[in-house]
Amino acid sequence: MQARKTARYTDKRERILAAAGECLARQGLQGLDLAIVAQAIGLRRSSLTYYFANVEDLAAAVLERTIAELREQVRRIAAHSSVEQRVRELLWSESEVYFAWREGKGSRRQQLGEIRALKSDHRKRLGQQYAELVQEVAQMLSGHANDAQPPSPHEMLAAHLVLENMFWLPAWLGFYHHWEADRVLDEVVRNLLGGIAARPVALDGPILEVERETEEEGVSLQAYLRVATRLVCERGYRGASIDRIASELNVTKGSFYHHIAMKDDLVEVCFERSYDRLAQLQQRAEQEGAGASDAVALAMRSFIATQFEGEIPFLRSSALVGMESDMRARMIERSQRTIRWFSSQLGVAMRDGDIRAGEALVAAQMLYIAGNSAFDVPRMIRCSNRELARDYLQMAMCGIKQHLSASAGKSS
């Protein structure tokens, strides 16, 4: 009898996690609702709280399961003989999840960026589990799986880039048919490991400073935008609450509503402002660069430097999940201009022989991913920011393979 009860409990808990996972993947933590999850599996809301007391506990359980699944997958992949096979298998698994969802045969994977928005106890526990996932990917890439020695900073950077490209696949694979997946993934693996540059890249050089707003008397709208942008990058859409923004500025919530009618409006303005600053950076890079490849390198150096600085970063696109669907669609459409510029410049640089021949759109997506996710790097790896930014740029442009340990090269 006890065994049957335990089996029923486990089965119902798994059904709850599956329904919650679908909701979390589609709408983010902001849209996760116990009543909706309960209704999806034919439970009363009060019955669901027997399994999970609140939304935070439910979201944490879903994300914890996702991390556990990824870690198990990484351990299986580590058995492949070459680093190319390992990276491709990791990316292929994510693309299969995406295409199965697109064809109505499965669910999407949840975004682990939502960990930032959880309360302290869940955030610390899951943050540690995610850090262990990154370490295991780093060891997998270098051929040191199950090694007790911690990965080097370079191996951690490589793991970060691989994971970010994997997590972002669902955001842009929609441009392609399912039957194109093999070709596209081959291109991603080639770019990740060997880079896009056909000639040496200027890793050291000028950094374009994005024009900053003139400070006004008192607490201005620009101050709200600056604090909100940083908090959204650090804590996600839900974590950047009005209370937290007002607290950092030492003002009341009433002062917030004097400038902005709703939080959604603030985040939309933050995204618009971020895209405007990126456009300004790209325009200046095109004007001041010696050619297309130099313009791309200058833009990426400046993009990464701004993200590393952290005071007024470009907004992390992971915050899009929590936004209302129409607003999210507008922001995604706007982001395509940034990616299109990279694609256009890369196309010219390929013709000039400075960038390795390949699919410019894929390479452009990957550069945008590297720049966007650079915000997390200084918080993940304790090292000189200047040295770290240089190494990160080199990996984004020239590939990760040369930075992996000698054993990885031998196994390939």
Protein backbone atom coordinates (compact mmCIF):
# COMPACT_ATOMS: atom_id res chain seq x y z
CA MET A 1 0.00 0.00 0.00
CA GLN A 2 2.80 2.41 0.92
CA ALA A 3 4.58 1.61 -2.36
CA ARG A 4 1.42 2.40 -4.37
CA LYS A 5 0.99 5.65 -2.46
CA THR A 6 4.61 6.60 -3.12
CA ALA A 7 4.23 5.75 -6.83
CA ARG A 8 1.06 7.89 -7.09
CA TYR A 9 2.77 10.76 -5.32
CA THR A 10 5.82 10.55 -7.61
CA ASP A 11 3.66 10.31 -10.75
CA LYS A 12 1.54 13.33 -9.80
CA ARG A 13 4.60 15.35 -8.82
CA GLU A 14 6.17 14.62 -12.21
CA ARG A 15 2.98 15.71 -13.98
CA ILE A 16 3.01 18.95 -11.99
CA LEU A 17 6.65 19.57 -12.90
CA ALA A 18 5.94 18.88 -16.59
CA ALA A 19 3.02 21.34 -16.69
CA ALA A 20 4.96 23.95 -14.73
CA GLY A 21 7.98 23.46 -16.96
CA GLU A 22 5.92 24.19 -20.06
CA CYS A 23 4.53 27.35 -18.45
CA LEU A 24 7.97 28.46 -17.26
CA ALA A 25 9.52 27.93 -20.71
CA ARG A 26 6.73 29.87 -22.41
CA GLN A 27 6.14 32.76 -19.99
CA GLY A 28 9.00 32.76 -17.54
CA LEU A 29 8.78 32.99 -13.76
CA GLN A 30 6.60 36.09 -14.06
CA GLY A 31 3.85 34.05 -15.76
CA LEU A 32 4.03 30.93 -13.60
CA ASP A 33 0.73 30.51 -11.74
CA LEU A 34 -0.20 27.66 -9.37
CA ALA A 35 -3.88 27.81 -10.34
CA ILE A 36 -3.10 27.49 -14.06
CA VAL A 37 -0.68 24.61 -13.47
CA ALA A 38 -3.24 22.83 -11.27
CA GLN A 39 -5.96 23.27 -13.88
CA ALA A 40 -3.69 21.89 -16.62
CA ILE A 41 -3.47 18.51 -14.85
CA GLY A 42 -6.96 18.43 -13.33
CA LEU A 43 -6.07 19.37 -9.75
CA ARG A 44 -7.46 21.95 -7.38
CA ARG A 45 -5.00 24.68 -6.48
CA SER A 46 -5.20 23.67 -2.82
CA SER A 47 -4.23 20.11 -3.78
CA LEU A 48 -1.17 21.32 -5.67
CA THR A 49 0.17 23.09 -2.58
CA TYR A 50 0.50 19.65 -0.96
CA TYR A 51 3.38 19.11 -3.39
CA PHE A 52 4.73 22.66 -3.71
CA ALA A 53 3.90 25.35 -1.17
CA ASN A 54 4.35 28.31 -3.54
CA VAL A 55 5.49 29.43 -6.99
CA GLU A 56 9.10 29.83 -5.86
CA ASP A 57 9.32 26.22 -4.66
CA LEU A 58 7.70 24.95 -7.85
CA ALA A 59 9.95 26.99 -10.15
CA ALA A 60 13.04 25.93 -8.20
CA ALA A 61 12.06 22.25 -8.53
CA VAL A 62 11.57 22.61 -12.30
CA LEU A 63 14.91 24.37 -12.80
CA GLU A 64 16.71 21.93 -10.50
CA ARG A 65 15.40 19.04 -12.59
CA THR A 66 16.53 20.77 -15.79
CA ILE A 67 20.06 21.25 -14.43
CA ALA A 68 20.18 17.61 -13.30
CA GLU A 69 19.11 16.44 -16.78
CA LEU A 70 21.78 18.59 -18.43
CA ARG A 71 24.49 17.35 -16.08
CA GLU A 72 23.56 13.74 -16.80
CA GLN A 73 23.63 14.48 -20.51
CA VAL A 74 27.09 16.08 -20.25
CA ARG A 75 28.40 12.99 -18.45
CA ARG A 76 27.13 10.75 -21.25
CA ILE A 77 28.57 12.99 -23.95
CA ALA A 78 31.99 13.02 -22.27
CA ALA A 79 32.52 9.46 -23.55
CA HIS A 80 32.84 10.68 -27.17
CA SER A 81 36.40 10.55 -28.46
CA SER A 82 36.74 14.07 -29.90
CA VAL A 83 35.84 17.53 -28.67
CA GLU A 84 34.01 18.14 -31.97
CA GLN A 85 31.74 15.17 -31.29
CA ARG A 86 31.09 16.30 -27.72
CA VAL A 87 30.13 19.84 -28.68
CA ARG A 88 27.99 18.70 -31.60
CA GLU A 89 26.13 16.15 -29.48
CA LEU A 90 25.35 18.80 -26.85
CA LEU A 91 24.02 21.24 -29.46
CA TRP A 92 22.15 18.51 -31.33
CA SER A 93 20.25 17.51 -28.20
CA GLU A 94 18.99 21.08 -27.73
CA SER A 95 18.02 21.44 -31.39
CA GLU A 96 16.04 18.19 -31.22
CA VAL A 97 14.15 19.46 -28.16
CA TYR A 98 13.37 22.68 -30.06
CA PHE A 99 12.20 21.04 -33.30
CA ALA A 100 10.10 18.49 -31.37
CA TRP A 101 8.39 21.42 -29.61
CA ARG A 102 7.91 23.29 -32.89
CA GLU A 103 6.23 20.26 -34.42
CA GLY A 104 3.95 19.79 -31.39
CA LYS A 105 5.72 16.63 -30.20
CA GLY A 106 7.38 17.87 -27.02
CA SER A 107 8.01 20.69 -24.58
CA ARG A 108 10.58 23.46 -24.64
CA ARG A 109 13.48 23.51 -22.22
CA GLN A 110 13.30 26.11 -19.45
CA GLN A 111 15.69 29.07 -19.41
CA LEU A 112 18.12 28.73 -16.54
CA GLY A 113 18.49 32.51 -16.46
CA GLU A 114 15.31 32.49 -14.36
CA ILE A 115 17.46 31.30 -11.44
CA ARG A 116 18.50 34.95 -10.99
CA ALA A 117 14.95 35.97 -10.12
CA LEU A 118 14.43 33.40 -7.34
CA LYS A 119 14.64 34.28 -3.67
CA SER A 120 17.97 34.00 -1.92
CA ASP A 121 17.90 30.40 -0.63
CA HIS A 122 16.75 28.88 -3.94
CA ARG A 123 19.03 31.20 -5.93
CA LYS A 124 22.13 30.21 -3.97
CA ARG A 125 21.42 26.48 -4.16
CA LEU A 126 20.59 26.45 -7.87
CA GLY A 127 23.37 28.93 -8.64
CA GLN A 128 25.83 26.45 -7.12
CA GLN A 129 24.34 23.60 -9.16
CA TYR A 130 24.62 25.67 -12.35
CA ALA A 131 28.26 26.50 -11.51
CA GLU A 132 28.90 22.76 -11.19
CA LEU A 133 27.27 22.23 -14.60
CA VAL A 134 29.63 24.81 -16.16
CA GLN A 135 32.60 23.08 -14.53
CA GLU A 136 31.49 19.69 -15.86
CA VAL A 137 31.10 21.14 -19.38
CA ALA A 138 34.59 22.65 -19.08
CA GLN A 139 36.00 19.26 -18.07
CA MET A 140 34.07 17.57 -20.86
CA LEU A 141 35.53 19.96 -23.43
CA SER A 142 39.09 19.48 -22.21
CA GLY A 143 38.81 15.70 -21.94
CA HIS A 144 39.13 15.82 -18.14
CA ALA A 145 35.69 14.50 -17.20
CA ASN A 146 35.58 13.28 -13.58
CA ASP A 147 38.91 14.99 -12.90
CA ALA A 148 39.17 16.29 -9.34
CA GLN A 149 41.28 19.25 -10.52
CA PRO A 150 39.16 22.37 -11.15
CA PRO A 151 39.02 23.67 -14.73
CA SER A 152 41.23 26.58 -15.75
CA PRO A 153 39.73 30.05 -16.39
CA HIS A 154 40.13 29.47 -20.14
CA GLU A 155 38.23 26.19 -19.94
CA MET A 156 35.46 27.90 -17.93
CA LEU A 157 35.23 30.64 -20.60
CA ALA A 158 34.97 27.97 -23.28
CA ALA A 159 32.21 26.17 -21.36
CA HIS A 160 30.30 29.44 -20.91
CA LEU A 161 30.36 30.13 -24.66
CA VAL A 162 29.28 26.59 -25.53
CA LEU A 163 26.39 26.62 -23.05
CA GLU A 164 25.21 30.09 -24.09
CA ASN A 165 25.16 29.04 -27.75
CA MET A 166 23.22 25.93 -26.79
CA PHE A 167 20.66 27.86 -24.73
CA TRP A 168 20.19 30.41 -27.53
CA LEU A 169 19.53 27.89 -30.30
CA PRO A 170 15.72 28.01 -29.83
CA ALA A 171 15.82 31.80 -30.23
CA TRP A 172 17.05 31.65 -33.84
CA LEU A 173 16.62 28.11 -35.21
CA GLY A 174 13.16 29.27 -36.29
CA PHE A 175 14.87 30.80 -39.35
CA TYR A 176 15.58 27.28 -40.61
CA HIS A 177 13.78 24.10 -41.64
CA HIS A 178 14.27 20.98 -39.54
CA TRP A 179 16.09 19.33 -42.43
CA GLU A 180 18.70 22.14 -42.39
CA ALA A 181 19.68 21.41 -38.78
CA ASP A 182 22.70 19.23 -39.67
CA ARG A 183 24.28 21.92 -41.82
CA VAL A 184 23.53 24.71 -39.35
CA LEU A 185 24.90 22.80 -36.36
CA ASP A 186 28.05 21.88 -38.29
CA GLU A 187 28.54 25.61 -38.86
CA VAL A 188 27.99 26.44 -35.18
CA VAL A 189 30.46 23.76 -34.06
CA ARG A 190 33.06 24.93 -36.57
CA ASN A 191 32.69 28.54 -35.43
CA LEU A 192 32.80 27.63 -31.75
CA LEU A 193 35.91 25.49 -32.02
CA GLY A 194 37.91 27.16 -34.79
CA GLY A 195 36.45 30.67 -34.84
CA ILE A 196 35.27 32.83 -37.69
CA ALA A 197 38.50 34.76 -38.32
CA ALA A 198 40.62 33.80 -41.33
CA ARG A 199 43.38 36.26 -40.33
CA PRO A 200 44.68 37.58 -36.97
CA VAL A 201 42.16 39.71 -35.07
CA ALA A 202 43.05 42.99 -33.35
CA LEU A 203 42.46 41.92 -29.75
CA ASP A 204 44.03 45.04 -28.27
CA GLY A 205 42.96 48.41 -29.55
CA PRO A 206 40.58 51.28 -29.02
CA ILE A 207 37.30 50.81 -27.19
CA LEU A 208 34.32 52.85 -28.28
CA GLU A 209 32.52 54.39 -25.33
CA VAL A 210 28.80 54.53 -25.86
CA GLU A 211 27.50 58.04 -25.28
CA ARG A 212 26.07 58.42 -21.80
CA GLU A 213 23.08 60.49 -20.86
CA THR A 214 23.54 63.87 -19.19
CA GLU A 215 22.63 63.61 -15.53
CA GLU A 216 19.73 65.74 -14.40
CA GLU A 217 18.93 67.30 -11.04
CA GLY A 218 17.44 64.82 -8.56
CA VAL A 219 16.40 61.29 -9.51
CA SER A 220 15.78 61.39 -13.24
CA LEU A 221 14.21 58.92 -15.64
CA GLN A 222 17.76 58.12 -16.82
CA ALA A 223 18.69 57.07 -13.27
CA TYR A 224 15.74 54.67 -13.18
CA LEU A 225 16.74 53.25 -16.56
CA ARG A 226 20.36 52.78 -15.49
CA VAL A 227 19.47 50.95 -12.26
CA ALA A 228 16.68 48.91 -13.90
CA THR A 229 18.97 47.78 -16.74
CA ARG A 230 21.66 46.57 -14.35
CA LEU A 231 19.13 44.84 -12.07
CA VAL A 232 17.42 43.07 -14.99
CA CYS A 233 20.84 41.80 -16.14
CA GLU A 234 21.66 40.62 -12.61
CA ARG A 235 18.28 39.34 -11.41
CA GLY A 236 16.11 38.85 -14.49
CA TYR A 237 12.78 40.49 -15.30
CA ARG A 238 11.01 39.41 -12.11
CA GLY A 239 14.00 40.09 -9.88
CA ALA A 240 14.16 43.74 -10.93
CA SER A 241 11.15 44.72 -8.82
CA ILE A 242 9.94 48.29 -8.40
CA ASP A 243 10.71 48.02 -4.69
CA ARG A 244 14.33 47.04 -5.41
CA ILE A 245 14.79 49.77 -8.02
CA ALA A 246 13.37 52.43 -5.69
CA SER A 247 15.47 51.13 -2.79
CA GLU A 248 18.72 51.39 -4.77
CA LEU A 249 17.88 54.98 -5.66
CA ASN A 250 16.73 55.70 -2.09
CA VAL A 251 13.34 57.00 -3.24
CA THR A 252 9.73 55.94 -2.72
CA LYS A 253 7.65 53.80 -5.09
CA GLY A 254 5.52 56.90 -5.67
CA SER A 255 8.55 58.60 -7.20
CA PHE A 256 8.86 55.67 -9.62
CA TYR A 257 5.27 56.07 -10.84
CA HIS A 258 5.89 59.78 -11.36
CA HIS A 259 8.30 58.81 -14.18
CA ILE A 260 6.91 55.47 -15.45
CA ALA A 261 3.30 54.25 -15.46
CA MET A 262 4.10 50.50 -15.24
CA LYS A 263 7.13 48.25 -14.78
CA ASP A 264 6.53 46.76 -18.24
CA ASP A 265 6.88 50.25 -19.69
CA LEU A 266 10.20 50.70 -17.88
CA VAL A 267 11.65 47.41 -19.17
CA GLU A 268 10.50 48.19 -22.72
CA VAL A 269 12.20 51.59 -22.54
CA CYS A 270 15.33 49.87 -21.16
CA PHE A 271 15.38 47.52 -24.15
CA GLU A 272 14.80 50.35 -26.63
CA ARG A 273 17.58 52.37 -25.02
CA SER A 274 19.90 49.35 -25.05
CA TYR A 275 19.28 48.70 -28.77
CA ASP A 276 19.79 52.40 -29.53
CA ARG A 277 23.16 52.33 -27.76
CA LEU A 278 24.17 49.17 -29.64
CA ALA A 279 23.18 50.78 -32.93
CA GLN A 280 25.26 53.82 -32.04
CA LEU A 281 28.23 51.57 -31.25
CA GLN A 282 27.88 49.69 -34.54
CA GLN A 283 27.56 52.90 -36.56
CA ARG A 284 30.74 54.32 -35.02
CA ALA A 285 32.59 51.03 -35.53
CA GLU A 286 31.65 51.08 -39.22
CA GLN A 287 32.77 54.71 -39.54
CA GLU A 288 36.05 54.29 -37.65
CA GLY A 289 37.05 50.77 -38.67
CA ALA A 290 39.61 50.25 -41.45
CA GLY A 291 37.30 47.74 -43.15
CA ALA A 292 34.45 45.34 -42.44
CA SER A 293 36.47 42.88 -40.33
CA ASP A 294 38.03 45.73 -38.35
CA ALA A 295 34.57 47.21 -37.77
CA VAL A 296 33.33 43.86 -36.42
CA ALA A 297 36.37 43.48 -34.12
CA LEU A 298 36.01 47.07 -32.88
CA ALA A 299 32.29 46.62 -32.23
CA MET A 300 32.88 43.33 -30.37
CA ARG A 301 35.73 44.77 -28.27
CA SER A 302 33.48 47.63 -27.25
CA PHE A 303 30.40 45.43 -26.75
CA ILE A 304 32.29 43.07 -24.43
CA ALA A 305 34.03 45.92 -22.54
CA THR A 306 30.66 47.57 -21.84
CA GLN A 307 29.20 44.29 -20.55
CA PHE A 308 32.24 43.66 -18.35
CA GLU A 309 32.08 47.14 -16.84
CA GLY A 310 28.55 46.43 -15.66
CA GLU A 311 27.51 49.96 -14.65
CA ILE A 312 25.29 50.54 -17.70
CA PRO A 313 25.39 47.23 -19.60
CA PHE A 314 23.43 46.32 -22.69
CA LEU A 315 20.29 44.56 -21.51
CA ARG A 316 20.50 40.75 -21.35
CA SER A 317 17.99 39.26 -23.77
CA SER A 318 17.08 36.56 -21.23
CA ALA A 319 14.75 39.19 -19.71
CA LEU A 320 12.50 38.90 -22.78
CA VAL A 321 10.86 35.77 -21.36
CA GLY A 322 9.04 37.69 -18.64
CA MET A 323 7.57 40.30 -20.96
CA GLU A 324 4.04 40.42 -22.34
CA SER A 325 3.96 38.57 -25.67
CA ASP A 326 3.30 41.52 -28.01
CA MET A 327 6.00 43.58 -26.35
CA ARG A 328 8.40 40.64 -26.48
CA ALA A 329 7.76 40.22 -30.20
CA ARG A 330 8.53 43.91 -30.81
CA MET A 331 11.79 43.70 -28.89
CA ILE A 332 12.88 40.51 -30.67
CA GLU A 333 12.17 42.15 -34.01
CA ARG A 334 14.24 45.16 -32.95
CA SER A 335 17.17 42.95 -31.93
CA GLN A 336 17.35 41.59 -35.48
CA ARG A 337 18.74 44.93 -36.68
CA THR A 338 21.77 44.42 -34.43
CA ILE A 339 22.29 40.91 -35.77
CA ARG A 340 21.67 41.98 -39.37
CA TRP A 341 24.48 44.56 -39.09
CA PHE A 342 26.92 41.88 -37.94
CA SER A 343 25.74 39.62 -40.76
CA SER A 344 26.20 42.36 -43.37
CA GLN A 345 29.71 43.24 -42.18
CA LEU A 346 30.72 39.59 -41.95
CA GLY A 347 29.52 39.00 -45.51
CA VAL A 348 31.80 41.77 -46.78
CA ALA A 349 34.71 40.49 -44.63
CA MET A 350 34.22 36.97 -46.02
CA ARG A 351 34.45 38.37 -49.54
CA ASP A 352 37.66 40.17 -48.55
CA GLY A 353 39.09 36.97 -47.09
CA ASP A 354 39.38 38.31 -43.53
CA ILE A 355 36.58 36.11 -42.18
CA ARG A 356 36.42 32.39 -42.92
CA ALA A 357 33.85 31.56 -45.60
CA GLY A 358 30.62 30.29 -44.11
CA GLU A 359 27.07 31.34 -43.31
CA ALA A 360 27.18 34.96 -42.21
CA LEU A 361 23.81 34.81 -40.40
CA VAL A 362 24.97 31.97 -38.14
CA ALA A 363 28.23 33.75 -37.32
CA ALA A 364 26.32 36.98 -36.63
CA GLN A 365 24.00 35.23 -34.19
CA MET A 366 27.00 33.77 -32.39
CA LEU A 367 28.77 37.14 -32.07
CA TYR A 368 25.62 38.70 -30.63
CA ILE A 369 25.31 35.81 -28.16
CA ALA A 370 28.94 36.25 -27.07
CA GLY A 371 28.51 39.99 -26.55
CA ASN A 372 25.15 39.72 -24.82
CA SER A 373 26.25 37.00 -22.38
CA ALA A 374 29.60 38.68 -21.63
CA PHE A 375 27.85 40.39 -18.69
CA ASP A 376 28.00 37.13 -16.71
CA VAL A 377 31.69 36.39 -17.27
CA PRO A 378 33.37 38.65 -14.63
CA ARG A 379 30.84 37.39 -12.07
CA MET A 380 31.65 33.77 -12.90
CA ILE A 381 35.45 33.89 -13.19
CA ARG A 382 37.58 35.89 -10.76
CA CYS A 383 40.38 37.28 -12.90
CA SER A 384 41.72 40.57 -14.26
CA ASN A 385 38.85 42.06 -16.27
CA ARG A 386 41.18 43.44 -18.93
CA GLU A 387 42.90 40.10 -19.46
CA LEU A 388 39.61 38.24 -19.27
CA ALA A 389 37.92 40.52 -21.82
CA ARG A 390 40.81 40.01 -24.25
CA ASP A 391 40.67 36.22 -23.90
CA TYR A 392 36.89 36.23 -24.26
CA LEU A 393 37.07 38.29 -27.45
CA GLN A 394 39.71 35.93 -28.84
CA MET A 395 37.50 32.91 -28.15
CA ALA A 396 34.47 34.57 -29.73
CA MET A 397 36.42 35.46 -32.89
CA CYS A 398 39.08 32.74 -33.11
CA GLY A 399 37.46 29.76 -31.37
CA ILE A 400 37.81 27.92 -28.09
CA LYS A 401 39.84 24.91 -29.20
CA GLN A 402 43.26 26.52 -28.88
CA HIS A 403 42.49 27.38 -25.25
CA LEU A 404 41.55 23.89 -24.14
CA SER A 405 44.03 21.58 -22.43
CA ALA A 406 46.55 19.47 -24.33
CA SER A 407 44.55 16.30 -23.70
CA ALA A 408 41.60 17.70 -25.62
CA GLY A 409 43.82 18.25 -28.64
CA LYS A 410 45.14 14.70 -28.41
CA SER A 411 41.65 13.22 -28.16
CA SER A 412 40.57 15.05 -31.31
